[in-house]
Protein backbone atom coordinates (compact mmCIF):
# COMPACT_ATOMS: atom_id res chain seq x y z
CA UNK A 1 -37.42 -15.67 -21.49
CA UNK A 2 -36.78 -19.19 -22.74
CA UNK A 3 -35.10 -21.71 -20.49
CA UNK A 4 -31.32 -21.62 -20.52
CA UNK A 5 -29.20 -24.70 -21.01
CA UNK A 6 -28.09 -26.18 -17.68
CA UNK A 7 -25.06 -28.38 -16.99
CA UNK A 8 -25.27 -32.12 -16.65
CA UNK A 9 -24.23 -32.77 -13.08
CA UNK A 10 -22.42 -35.76 -11.50
CA UNK A 11 -23.67 -39.32 -11.42
CA UNK A 12 -26.89 -40.08 -9.55
CA UNK A 13 -25.26 -43.08 -7.85
CA UNK A 14 -22.61 -40.93 -6.17
CA UNK A 15 -25.19 -38.35 -5.11
CA UNK A 16 -27.41 -41.15 -3.81
CA UNK A 17 -24.58 -42.62 -1.74
CA UNK A 18 -23.85 -39.20 -0.27
CA UNK A 19 -27.47 -38.57 0.61
CA UNK A 20 -27.72 -41.96 2.33
CA UNK A 21 -24.60 -41.26 4.34
CA UNK A 22 -25.81 -37.82 5.31
CA UNK A 23 -29.17 -39.10 6.50
CA UNK A 24 -27.31 -41.39 8.88
CA UNK A 25 -24.93 -38.64 10.01
CA UNK A 26 -27.65 -36.06 10.58
CA UNK A 27 -29.73 -38.44 12.68
CA UNK A 28 -27.00 -39.25 15.19
CA UNK A 29 -26.39 -35.86 16.77
CA UNK A 30 -27.96 -36.71 20.14
CA UNK A 31 -26.04 -39.88 21.04
CA UNK A 32 -24.89 -39.72 24.73
CA UNK A 33 -21.27 -38.66 25.21
CA UNK A 34 -18.78 -41.42 26.02
CA UNK A 35 -15.35 -39.84 25.79
CA UNK A 36 -13.42 -42.42 27.81
CA UNK A 37 -10.01 -43.04 26.22
CA UNK A 38 -10.42 -40.37 23.57
CA UNK A 39 -8.07 -37.82 25.11
CA UNK A 40 -5.19 -40.28 25.41
CA UNK A 41 -5.77 -41.60 21.89
CA UNK A 42 -5.67 -38.05 20.53
CA UNK A 43 -2.57 -37.18 22.57
CA UNK A 44 -0.79 -40.19 21.09
CA UNK A 45 -1.84 -39.31 17.54
CA UNK A 46 -0.98 -35.62 17.90
CA UNK A 47 2.57 -36.50 18.96
CA UNK A 48 3.23 -37.55 15.38
CA UNK A 49 1.88 -34.26 14.05
CA UNK A 50 4.16 -32.34 16.41
CA UNK A 51 7.18 -34.09 14.92
CA UNK A 52 6.37 -33.04 11.35
CA UNK A 53 4.89 -29.57 11.92
CA UNK A 54 6.74 -26.66 13.51
CA UNK A 55 3.55 -24.61 13.92
CA UNK A 56 0.50 -26.70 14.70
CA UNK A 57 -3.07 -25.76 15.53
CA UNK A 58 -5.81 -28.29 16.41
CA UNK A 59 -9.36 -27.98 17.64
CA UNK A 60 -11.99 -30.73 17.96
CA UNK A 61 -15.57 -30.17 19.11
CA UNK A 62 -18.34 -32.70 19.68
CA UNK A 63 -21.33 -31.25 17.89
CA UNK A 64 -24.27 -32.48 19.96
CA UNK A 65 -22.88 -30.99 23.20
CA UNK A 66 -20.69 -28.30 21.57
CA UNK A 67 -18.00 -29.49 23.98
CA UNK A 68 -14.33 -29.07 23.06
CA UNK A 69 -12.76 -32.52 23.38
CA UNK A 70 -9.24 -31.59 22.27
CA UNK A 71 -7.24 -28.47 21.51
CA UNK A 72 -3.66 -27.50 20.81
CA UNK A 73 -2.90 -23.82 20.27
CA UNK A 74 -6.45 -23.47 18.90
CA UNK A 75 -6.43 -19.66 18.73
CA UNK A 76 -3.12 -19.13 16.92
CA UNK A 77 -3.45 -17.91 13.35
CA UNK A 78 -2.16 -20.37 10.78
CA UNK A 79 -1.92 -20.34 6.99
CA UNK A 80 -4.93 -22.47 6.00
CA UNK A 81 -4.39 -22.96 2.23
CA UNK A 82 -7.46 -24.48 0.55
CA UNK A 83 -9.38 -24.66 3.82
CA UNK A 84 -10.21 -21.08 2.79
CA UNK A 85 -12.71 -22.62 0.35
CA UNK A 86 -14.84 -23.67 3.35
CA UNK A 87 -15.44 -19.99 4.16
CA UNK A 88 -16.14 -19.07 0.53
CA UNK A 89 -18.69 -21.83 -0.08
CA UNK A 90 -20.35 -21.49 3.34
CA UNK A 91 -20.82 -17.75 2.85
CA UNK A 92 -22.25 -18.34 -0.64
CA UNK A 93 -24.75 -20.95 0.56
CA UNK A 94 -25.77 -18.70 3.45
CA UNK A 95 -26.02 -15.47 1.45
CA UNK A 96 -27.17 -16.70 -1.98
CA UNK A 97 -28.77 -20.06 -1.22
CA UNK A 98 -28.24 -23.41 -2.97
CA UNK A 99 -30.93 -22.58 -5.54
CA UNK A 100 -29.08 -19.52 -6.84
CA UNK A 101 -28.26 -19.68 -10.57
CA UNK A 102 -25.28 -18.15 -12.35
CA UNK A 103 -26.48 -16.99 -15.77
CA UNK A 104 -24.82 -16.24 -19.10
CA UNK A 105 -27.15 -14.78 -21.72
CA UNK A 106 -26.87 -14.48 -25.50
CA UNK A 107 -28.81 -11.52 -26.89
CA UNK A 108 -29.53 -10.42 -30.44
CA UNK A 109 -30.81 -7.35 -32.23
CA UNK A 110 -31.63 -6.60 -35.87
CA UNK A 111 -33.84 -7.97 -38.60
CA UNK A 112 -33.89 -11.48 -40.00
CA UNK A 113 -33.88 -11.71 -43.79
CA UNK A 114 -33.24 -14.85 -45.81
CA UNK A 115 -31.38 -16.67 -43.02
CA UNK A 116 -29.26 -13.62 -42.15
CA UNK A 117 -29.47 -11.60 -38.96
CA UNK A 118 -28.82 -8.03 -40.08
CA UNK A 119 -27.64 -7.01 -36.67
CA UNK A 120 -25.48 -8.02 -33.72
CA UNK A 121 -25.12 -10.62 -31.00
CA UNK A 122 -24.05 -9.99 -27.43
CA UNK A 123 -22.92 -12.48 -24.79
CA UNK A 124 -23.42 -11.07 -21.30
CA UNK A 125 -21.15 -12.71 -18.75
CA UNK A 126 -22.34 -13.53 -15.25
CA UNK A 127 -19.12 -14.98 -13.90
CA UNK A 128 -19.94 -18.65 -14.51
CA UNK A 129 -16.81 -20.84 -14.26
CA UNK A 130 -18.66 -23.91 -15.60
CA UNK A 131 -18.58 -23.19 -19.35
CA UNK A 132 -16.39 -26.14 -20.32
CA UNK A 133 -16.55 -29.86 -20.98
CA UNK A 134 -16.59 -30.67 -17.26
CA UNK A 135 -20.30 -31.49 -17.26
CA UNK A 136 -20.48 -32.68 -20.89
CA UNK A 137 -18.26 -35.79 -21.06
CA UNK A 138 -15.25 -33.76 -22.16
CA UNK A 139 -16.88 -31.82 -25.01
CA UNK A 140 -15.49 -28.40 -24.12
CA UNK A 141 -17.51 -26.66 -26.85
CA UNK A 142 -20.87 -28.15 -25.82
CA UNK A 143 -22.32 -24.95 -24.38
CA UNK A 144 -21.39 -22.90 -27.45
CA UNK A 145 -22.81 -25.60 -29.72
CA UNK A 146 -26.12 -25.41 -27.87
CA UNK A 147 -26.20 -21.63 -28.41
CA UNK A 148 -25.54 -22.04 -32.13
CA UNK A 149 -28.26 -24.69 -32.37
CA UNK A 150 -30.79 -22.41 -30.65
CA UNK A 151 -29.89 -19.57 -32.97
CA UNK A 152 -30.22 -21.79 -36.05
CA UNK A 153 -33.61 -22.90 -34.75
CA UNK A 154 -34.69 -19.26 -35.07
CA UNK A 155 -33.81 -19.41 -38.77
CA UNK A 156 -30.45 -17.63 -38.43
CA UNK A 157 -27.57 -19.05 -40.48
CA UNK A 158 -25.47 -15.89 -40.64
CA UNK A 159 -24.87 -12.96 -38.28
CA UNK A 160 -23.81 -10.00 -40.38
CA UNK A 161 -22.99 -7.70 -37.49
CA UNK A 162 -20.58 -7.88 -34.59
CA UNK A 163 -20.48 -10.06 -31.49
CA UNK A 164 -20.08 -8.15 -28.22
CA UNK A 165 -18.55 -10.04 -25.31
CA UNK A 166 -19.81 -8.11 -22.26
CA UNK A 167 -17.52 -8.75 -19.30
CA UNK A 168 -18.08 -5.85 -16.89
CA UNK A 169 -19.66 -8.02 -14.20
CA UNK A 170 -16.18 -8.61 -12.77
CA UNK A 171 -13.59 -5.95 -12.01
CA UNK A 172 -9.87 -6.21 -12.82
CA UNK A 173 -7.33 -7.46 -12.03
CA UNK A 174 -7.79 -10.98 -13.37
CA UNK A 175 -4.97 -12.38 -11.25
CA UNK A 176 -4.73 -11.84 -7.50
CA UNK A 177 -1.67 -9.77 -6.54
CA UNK A 178 -0.68 -12.24 -3.79
CA UNK A 179 -0.26 -15.20 -6.12
CA UNK A 180 3.30 -16.29 -6.96
CA UNK A 181 4.35 -14.79 -10.31
CA UNK A 182 6.49 -17.80 -11.19
CA UNK A 183 3.39 -20.06 -11.19
CA UNK A 184 0.97 -17.97 -13.26
CA UNK A 185 0.98 -20.53 -16.08
CA UNK A 186 -0.25 -23.29 -13.73
CA UNK A 187 -3.91 -24.28 -13.69
CA UNK A 188 -4.31 -23.34 -10.03
CA UNK A 189 -3.54 -19.67 -10.83
CA UNK A 190 -5.95 -19.30 -13.76
CA UNK A 191 -7.10 -15.73 -14.45
CA UNK A 192 -10.64 -14.82 -13.38
CA UNK A 193 -13.02 -13.16 -15.82
CA UNK A 194 -16.80 -12.67 -16.13
CA UNK A 195 -16.70 -14.64 -19.40
CA UNK A 196 -14.50 -17.70 -19.06
CA UNK A 197 -14.05 -20.95 -20.96
CA UNK A 198 -12.52 -24.31 -20.03
CA UNK A 199 -11.27 -23.08 -16.63
CA UNK A 200 -9.22 -20.55 -18.64
CA UNK A 201 -6.76 -23.34 -19.34
CA UNK A 202 -5.70 -25.49 -22.26
CA UNK A 203 -4.51 -29.08 -21.98
CA UNK A 204 -1.05 -29.59 -23.48
CA UNK A 205 -0.01 -33.13 -24.46
CA UNK A 206 3.51 -34.01 -25.51
CA UNK A 207 4.00 -37.31 -27.35
CA UNK A 208 7.33 -38.93 -28.25
CA UNK A 209 8.44 -38.51 -31.85
CA UNK A 210 8.49 -41.41 -34.27
CA UNK A 211 12.28 -41.87 -34.18
CA UNK A 212 15.04 -41.25 -31.62
CA UNK A 213 16.35 -37.69 -31.85
CA UNK A 214 13.18 -36.36 -33.48
CA UNK A 215 11.07 -33.65 -31.88
CA UNK A 216 8.26 -34.61 -29.58
CA UNK A 217 4.75 -33.99 -30.90
CA UNK A 218 2.75 -31.27 -29.15
CA UNK A 219 -1.04 -31.43 -29.04
CA UNK A 220 -3.38 -28.73 -27.67
CA UNK A 221 -6.87 -29.59 -26.36
CA UNK A 222 -8.81 -27.69 -27.51
CA UNK A 223 -6.62 -26.41 -30.33
CA UNK A 224 -7.94 -22.92 -31.09
CA UNK A 225 -4.75 -21.39 -32.47
CA UNK A 226 -4.19 -18.94 -29.64
CA UNK A 227 -0.66 -20.11 -28.73
CA UNK A 228 2.69 -19.77 -30.46
CA UNK A 229 4.46 -23.04 -29.70
CA UNK A 230 8.24 -23.23 -29.31
CA UNK A 231 9.05 -26.92 -29.20
CA UNK A 232 12.63 -27.97 -28.44
CA UNK A 233 11.88 -31.48 -27.13
CA UNK A 234 13.83 -34.49 -28.34
CA UNK A 235 12.83 -38.14 -28.35
CA UNK A 236 15.21 -40.29 -26.32
CA UNK A 237 15.81 -44.03 -25.93
CA UNK A 238 16.63 -43.58 -22.23
CA UNK A 239 13.77 -43.69 -19.74
CA UNK A 240 16.06 -42.03 -17.18
CA UNK A 241 16.29 -38.91 -19.34
CA UNK A 242 12.51 -38.62 -19.66
CA UNK A 243 11.65 -35.12 -18.46
CA UNK A 244 9.39 -32.64 -20.22
CA UNK A 245 9.02 -29.00 -19.19
CA UNK A 246 5.89 -27.11 -20.30
CA UNK A 247 5.61 -23.40 -19.56
CA UNK A 248 4.23 -20.10 -20.78
CA UNK A 249 5.90 -16.71 -20.61
CA UNK A 250 3.93 -14.48 -18.23
CA UNK A 251 1.50 -12.25 -20.08
CA UNK A 252 2.26 -13.79 -23.48
CA UNK A 253 0.82 -16.46 -25.76
CA UNK A 254 4.23 -18.12 -26.24
CA UNK A 255 4.18 -21.71 -25.04
CA UNK A 256 7.56 -23.34 -24.50
CA UNK A 257 7.94 -27.12 -24.53
CA UNK A 258 11.38 -28.55 -23.82
CA UNK A 259 13.29 -31.52 -22.46
CA UNK A 260 13.45 -35.18 -23.45
CA UNK A 261 10.59 -37.59 -24.21
CA UNK A 262 11.16 -41.31 -23.77
CA UNK A 263 10.19 -43.02 -27.05
CA UNK A 264 7.90 -45.55 -25.33
CA UNK A 265 6.34 -43.18 -22.79
CA UNK A 266 2.69 -42.23 -22.56
CA UNK A 267 2.00 -38.59 -23.42
CA UNK A 268 2.98 -36.00 -20.83
CA UNK A 269 0.00 -33.79 -19.93
CA UNK A 270 -0.17 -30.37 -18.32
CA UNK A 271 -2.91 -27.77 -17.97
CA UNK A 272 -1.62 -24.30 -18.88
CA UNK A 273 -3.45 -21.03 -18.26
CA UNK A 274 -4.35 -18.77 -21.18
CA UNK A 275 -3.04 -15.18 -21.32
CA UNK A 276 -6.42 -13.60 -22.16
CA UNK A 277 -9.67 -15.37 -21.18
CA UNK A 278 -11.79 -13.18 -23.49
CA UNK A 279 -9.71 -14.03 -26.57
CA UNK A 280 -9.95 -17.71 -25.62
CA UNK A 281 -13.73 -17.47 -25.11
CA UNK A 282 -14.16 -15.75 -28.48
CA UNK A 283 -12.08 -18.35 -30.32
CA UNK A 284 -14.01 -21.23 -28.78
CA UNK A 285 -17.40 -19.68 -29.51
CA UNK A 286 -16.46 -18.92 -33.11
CA UNK A 287 -15.20 -22.49 -33.66
CA UNK A 288 -18.39 -24.02 -32.23
CA UNK A 289 -20.62 -21.77 -34.32
CA UNK A 290 -18.66 -22.76 -37.42
CA UNK A 291 -19.14 -26.43 -36.53
CA UNK A 292 -22.91 -25.84 -36.29
CA UNK A 293 -22.99 -23.88 -39.59
CA UNK A 294 -23.70 -20.48 -38.10
CA UNK A 295 -21.47 -17.90 -39.80
CA UNK A 296 -20.31 -15.02 -37.58
CA UNK A 297 -19.31 -12.52 -40.26
CA UNK A 298 -18.50 -9.48 -38.12
CA UNK A 299 -15.94 -8.61 -35.51
CA UNK A 300 -15.72 -9.85 -31.94
CA UNK A 301 -15.64 -6.83 -29.64
CA UNK A 302 -14.89 -6.81 -25.93
CA UNK A 303 -17.09 -4.45 -23.93
CA UNK A 304 -17.49 -3.88 -20.22
CA UNK A 305 -21.10 -2.82 -20.70
CA UNK A 306 -23.91 -3.87 -23.01
CA UNK A 307 -24.31 -1.35 -25.83
CA UNK A 308 -27.57 0.56 -25.67
CA UNK A 309 -30.08 -1.04 -28.05
CA UNK A 310 -33.27 -3.07 -28.14
CA UNK A 311 -31.93 -6.57 -27.45
CA UNK A 312 -33.86 -9.83 -27.58
CA UNK A 313 -32.94 -13.01 -25.72
CA UNK A 314 -31.53 -15.64 -28.06
CA UNK A 315 -29.93 -18.37 -25.94
CA UNK A 316 -28.31 -18.88 -22.58
CA UNK A 317 -26.66 -21.08 -20.02
CA UNK A 318 -27.03 -21.27 -16.27
CA UNK A 319 -25.48 -23.24 -13.43
CA UNK A 320 -26.88 -23.73 -9.94
CA UNK A 321 -24.71 -22.78 -6.99
CA UNK A 322 -24.47 -26.35 -5.68
CA UNK A 323 -22.80 -27.56 -8.88
CA UNK A 324 -20.19 -24.82 -8.52
CA UNK A 325 -19.65 -25.37 -4.79
CA UNK A 326 -19.12 -29.11 -5.30
CA UNK A 327 -16.34 -28.46 -7.81
CA UNK A 328 -14.76 -25.99 -5.38
CA UNK A 329 -14.64 -28.32 -2.40
CA UNK A 330 -14.43 -31.75 -4.00
CA UNK A 331 -11.95 -30.79 -6.73
CA UNK A 332 -10.31 -27.92 -4.83
CA UNK A 333 -10.58 -25.84 -8.00
CA UNK A 334 -9.10 -22.39 -7.26
CA UNK A 335 -10.54 -20.78 -10.39
CA UNK A 336 -14.09 -21.71 -9.34
CA UNK A 337 -13.55 -20.39 -5.80
CA UNK A 338 -12.21 -17.05 -7.00
CA UNK A 339 -15.03 -16.73 -9.52
CA UNK A 340 -17.55 -17.37 -6.74
CA UNK A 341 -15.93 -14.81 -4.45
CA UNK A 342 -16.08 -12.11 -7.12
CA UNK A 343 -19.64 -13.17 -7.97
CA UNK A 344 -20.73 -12.65 -4.35
CA UNK A 345 -19.23 -9.18 -4.48
CA UNK A 346 -21.09 -8.39 -7.69
CA UNK A 347 -24.44 -9.78 -6.48
CA UNK A 348 -24.41 -8.44 -2.94
CA UNK A 349 -22.18 -5.35 -3.09
CA UNK A 350 -22.59 -4.27 -6.69
CA UNK A 351 -18.88 -4.77 -7.48
CA UNK A 352 -17.35 -7.96 -8.79
CA UNK A 353 -13.98 -7.54 -7.11
CA UNK A 354 -11.89 -9.44 -4.60
CA UNK A 355 -12.41 -6.61 -2.10
CA UNK A 356 -16.20 -6.73 -2.38
CA UNK A 357 -16.24 -10.53 -2.22
CA UNK A 358 -14.17 -10.44 0.96
CA UNK A 359 -16.64 -7.96 2.45
CA UNK A 360 -19.45 -10.47 1.92
CA UNK A 361 -17.51 -13.25 3.65
CA UNK A 362 -16.41 -10.94 6.47
CA UNK A 363 -20.00 -9.84 7.13
CA UNK A 364 -21.07 -13.48 7.19
CA UNK A 365 -18.32 -14.27 9.72
CA UNK A 366 -19.41 -11.40 11.97
CA UNK A 367 -22.69 -13.27 12.39
CA UNK A 368 -20.69 -16.21 13.74
CA UNK A 369 -18.83 -13.96 16.22
CA UNK A 370 -15.67 -14.37 14.17
CA UNK A 371 -14.62 -10.75 14.17
CA UNK A 372 -12.45 -8.71 11.84
CA UNK A 373 -8.91 -8.37 13.14
CA UNK A 374 -8.82 -11.93 14.53
CA UNK A 375 -8.13 -13.46 11.10
CA UNK A 376 -6.82 -12.52 7.65
CA UNK A 377 -8.73 -13.18 4.44
CA UNK A 378 -7.06 -12.43 1.09
CA UNK A 379 -8.78 -14.49 -1.62
CA UNK A 380 -11.44 -17.15 -2.08
CA UNK A 381 -9.34 -20.24 -2.75
CA UNK A 382 -6.43 -20.18 -0.31
CA UNK A 383 -3.76 -19.71 -2.97
CA UNK A 384 -2.57 -16.62 -1.10
CA UNK A 385 -0.42 -17.31 1.94
CA UNK A 386 -2.13 -14.35 3.61
CA UNK A 387 -5.24 -16.40 4.43
CA UNK A 388 -4.80 -17.00 8.15
CA UNK A 389 -7.35 -18.37 10.59
CA UNK A 390 -7.25 -20.32 13.83
CA UNK A 391 -8.35 -23.92 14.20
CA UNK A 392 -11.11 -22.82 16.59
CA UNK A 393 -12.49 -20.36 14.02
CA UNK A 394 -12.69 -23.13 11.44
CA UNK A 395 -14.53 -25.51 13.79
CA UNK A 396 -16.88 -22.65 14.69
CA UNK A 397 -17.68 -22.28 10.99
CA UNK A 398 -18.19 -26.05 10.69
CA UNK A 399 -20.39 -26.15 13.80
CA UNK A 400 -22.50 -23.28 12.49
CA UNK A 401 -22.95 -24.85 9.07
CA UNK A 402 -23.80 -28.27 10.53
CA UNK A 403 -26.91 -26.84 12.19
CA UNK A 404 -27.61 -24.35 9.41
CA UNK A 405 -30.81 -24.76 7.32
CA UNK A 406 -28.46 -25.29 4.35
CA UNK A 407 -26.01 -27.42 6.31
CA UNK A 408 -26.92 -30.59 4.44
CA UNK A 409 -26.13 -28.84 1.16
CA UNK A 410 -22.80 -27.65 2.57
CA UNK A 411 -21.89 -31.17 3.68
CA UNK A 412 -22.75 -32.52 0.22
CA UNK A 413 -20.05 -30.31 -1.31
CA UNK A 414 -17.28 -31.89 0.79
CA UNK A 415 -15.27 -34.89 -0.38
CA UNK A 416 -15.67 -37.96 1.79
CA UNK A 417 -13.15 -40.61 2.73
CA UNK A 418 -12.85 -43.21 0.00
CA UNK A 419 -14.88 -41.18 -2.51
CA UNK A 420 -14.26 -42.60 -6.01
CA UNK A 421 -12.54 -40.40 -8.57
CA UNK A 422 -11.00 -37.99 -6.08
CA UNK A 423 -7.73 -37.80 -4.17
CA UNK A 424 -9.73 -39.16 -1.25
CA UNK A 425 -10.31 -42.45 -3.06
CA UNK A 426 -7.47 -44.16 -1.17
CA UNK A 427 -7.30 -41.91 1.86
CA UNK A 428 -8.99 -43.29 5.00
CA UNK A 429 -10.74 -45.62 2.57
CA UNK A 430 -10.76 -48.76 4.71
CA UNK A 431 -13.48 -49.67 7.23
CA UNK A 432 -14.54 -48.19 9.59
CA UNK A 433 -13.23 -44.89 8.22
CA UNK A 434 -14.57 -45.07 4.69
CA UNK A 435 -17.53 -42.72 4.24
CA UNK A 436 -17.30 -41.42 7.81
CA UNK A 437 -15.06 -38.40 7.15
CA UNK A 438 -16.24 -35.34 5.20
CA UNK A 439 -13.35 -32.92 5.04
CA UNK A 440 -11.44 -30.34 3.01
CA UNK A 441 -7.71 -30.59 2.47
CA UNK A 442 -5.30 -27.72 1.93
CA UNK A 443 -1.75 -27.70 0.65
CA UNK A 444 0.94 -25.11 -0.03
CA UNK A 445 4.70 -25.34 0.32
CA UNK A 446 5.22 -26.10 4.01
CA UNK A 447 1.48 -26.07 4.73
CA UNK A 448 -0.94 -28.99 5.07
CA UNK A 449 -4.44 -28.57 6.51
CA UNK A 450 -7.46 -30.81 7.05
CA UNK A 451 -10.80 -29.65 8.44
CA UNK A 452 -14.26 -31.16 8.40
CA UNK A 453 -16.58 -33.64 10.07
CA UNK A 454 -16.05 -37.17 11.35
CA UNK A 455 -18.51 -39.77 12.63
CA UNK A 456 -17.10 -41.97 15.38
CA UNK A 457 -17.91 -45.64 15.95
CA UNK A 458 -20.15 -44.49 18.81
CA UNK A 459 -22.23 -42.46 16.37
CA UNK A 460 -21.08 -39.11 17.75
CA UNK A 461 -20.24 -36.40 15.24
CA UNK A 462 -17.19 -34.16 15.59
CA UNK A 463 -16.04 -31.04 13.80
CA UNK A 464 -12.26 -30.85 13.62
CA UNK A 465 -9.50 -28.68 12.23
CA UNK A 466 -5.85 -29.73 11.96
CA UNK A 467 -3.60 -26.93 10.69
CA UNK A 468 0.01 -27.91 10.03
CA UNK A 469 2.40 -25.07 9.18
CA UNK A 470 6.18 -25.23 8.73
CA UNK A 471 5.90 -28.91 7.80
CA UNK A 472 8.90 -31.11 7.13
CA UNK A 473 6.94 -32.71 4.31
CA UNK A 474 3.28 -32.49 3.44
CA UNK A 475 2.84 -36.23 2.93
CA UNK A 476 4.13 -36.82 6.49
CA UNK A 477 1.68 -34.17 7.74
CA UNK A 478 -1.19 -35.92 5.94
CA UNK A 479 -0.29 -39.22 7.57
CA UNK A 480 -0.28 -37.52 10.97
CA UNK A 481 -3.66 -35.92 10.24
CA UNK A 482 -5.08 -39.31 9.32
CA UNK A 483 -3.86 -40.75 12.63
CA UNK A 484 -5.78 -38.05 14.48
CA UNK A 485 -8.93 -38.73 12.46
CA UNK A 486 -8.61 -42.47 13.06
CA UNK A 487 -8.37 -41.81 16.80
CA UNK A 488 -11.61 -39.82 16.62
CA UNK A 489 -13.40 -42.62 14.77
CA UNK A 490 -12.07 -45.40 16.98
CA UNK A 491 -12.36 -43.73 20.41
CA UNK A 492 -14.79 -40.84 19.99
């Protein structure tokens, strides 16, 4: 089999900085314990968290000694939001390994005559969430273009038969039943399918019209003609009236764009989920093949299983697990996390479902003495409010992964304080905190969580989990979390 196209990953300079930081962190695990003043500093910082969170859970452990240095209701279950992604990615690295590849293969059958393939193509989905412009400088069709180029290199300019999109690797439903129905058009609730494109979302831009009172201009990126647009926006001369609402009716391809657009405003942007990932995938593939002068003359057929025939490999795409895990934890991308959970179910249980994926994670947790019945796991991303763990269980996971053979890989997936291009760019970004906190955030209405690793001035390394539920405001909770982390750095 020929080599498949692989994604272009992040910049070498960022990876190099992370590796340098990690080498320092990993070498400081045996520094003698000097905890004088730490308890009081943490007590003072936690008092702020108590004021903004009605249900708080905190656990901090020093990793070299495995000693608990602070705890507050550490065994109470809390909603953990996107801290759930820590369990998903840790289980994947443990069970699959960082060198695991997610593969999508393009197959062909038939005879080639005069530039025409007298036969069919099939695209066999492996659950890869990376088929997009994310790794290709925004060219969302790059993967499909590479397939078309490989096919043309074989002398094929036309495919006379059909194209089968084989998507049976994942089981329905595409949307988790726990997710809020009134947010299904939002990027963070994108449907999950074995063949997916562009995070199963389209970017909608709304520009002001040329004259006051005229309709705003709606742009789709990429524009593949899958939406019916109902645009009722009006261009206004008042900046105070500037408010644009972009939505999609659940289960439909009707996109509604309404409100007022200030005539001098920059375009309003929103990522909107697509109603059918397979239709979206097909439209994108067909467009890219047209651009590369490969004519797909037949139908596009959706099939759960590959039709029986003698197929030959034509092209492909594969992504390593680390690339996917980094997007999950650094970008907190729900769609990637749910795809990975279903993928673990398919690979290790023979069923690409949420239930099977949870079984993989639950079995992994049993090995950490985190037993079924002491937590609740619903999905892979934390979008469900039914994901409930204790702070101690999260620090146990973090402690286990720190000393794991793949612990360095796990740490590399986490955002670090002050990391450029992320929400962490300005959070704990000043010295001595910058680069000394590797942690995952989580946020839902009334929920703010922060769990990860911190290196103190002394060189000691701590695993911590701060779970704030029933918050008065998530930004206040984040400030309180940062105070606790600063106390660990300054006095740990």
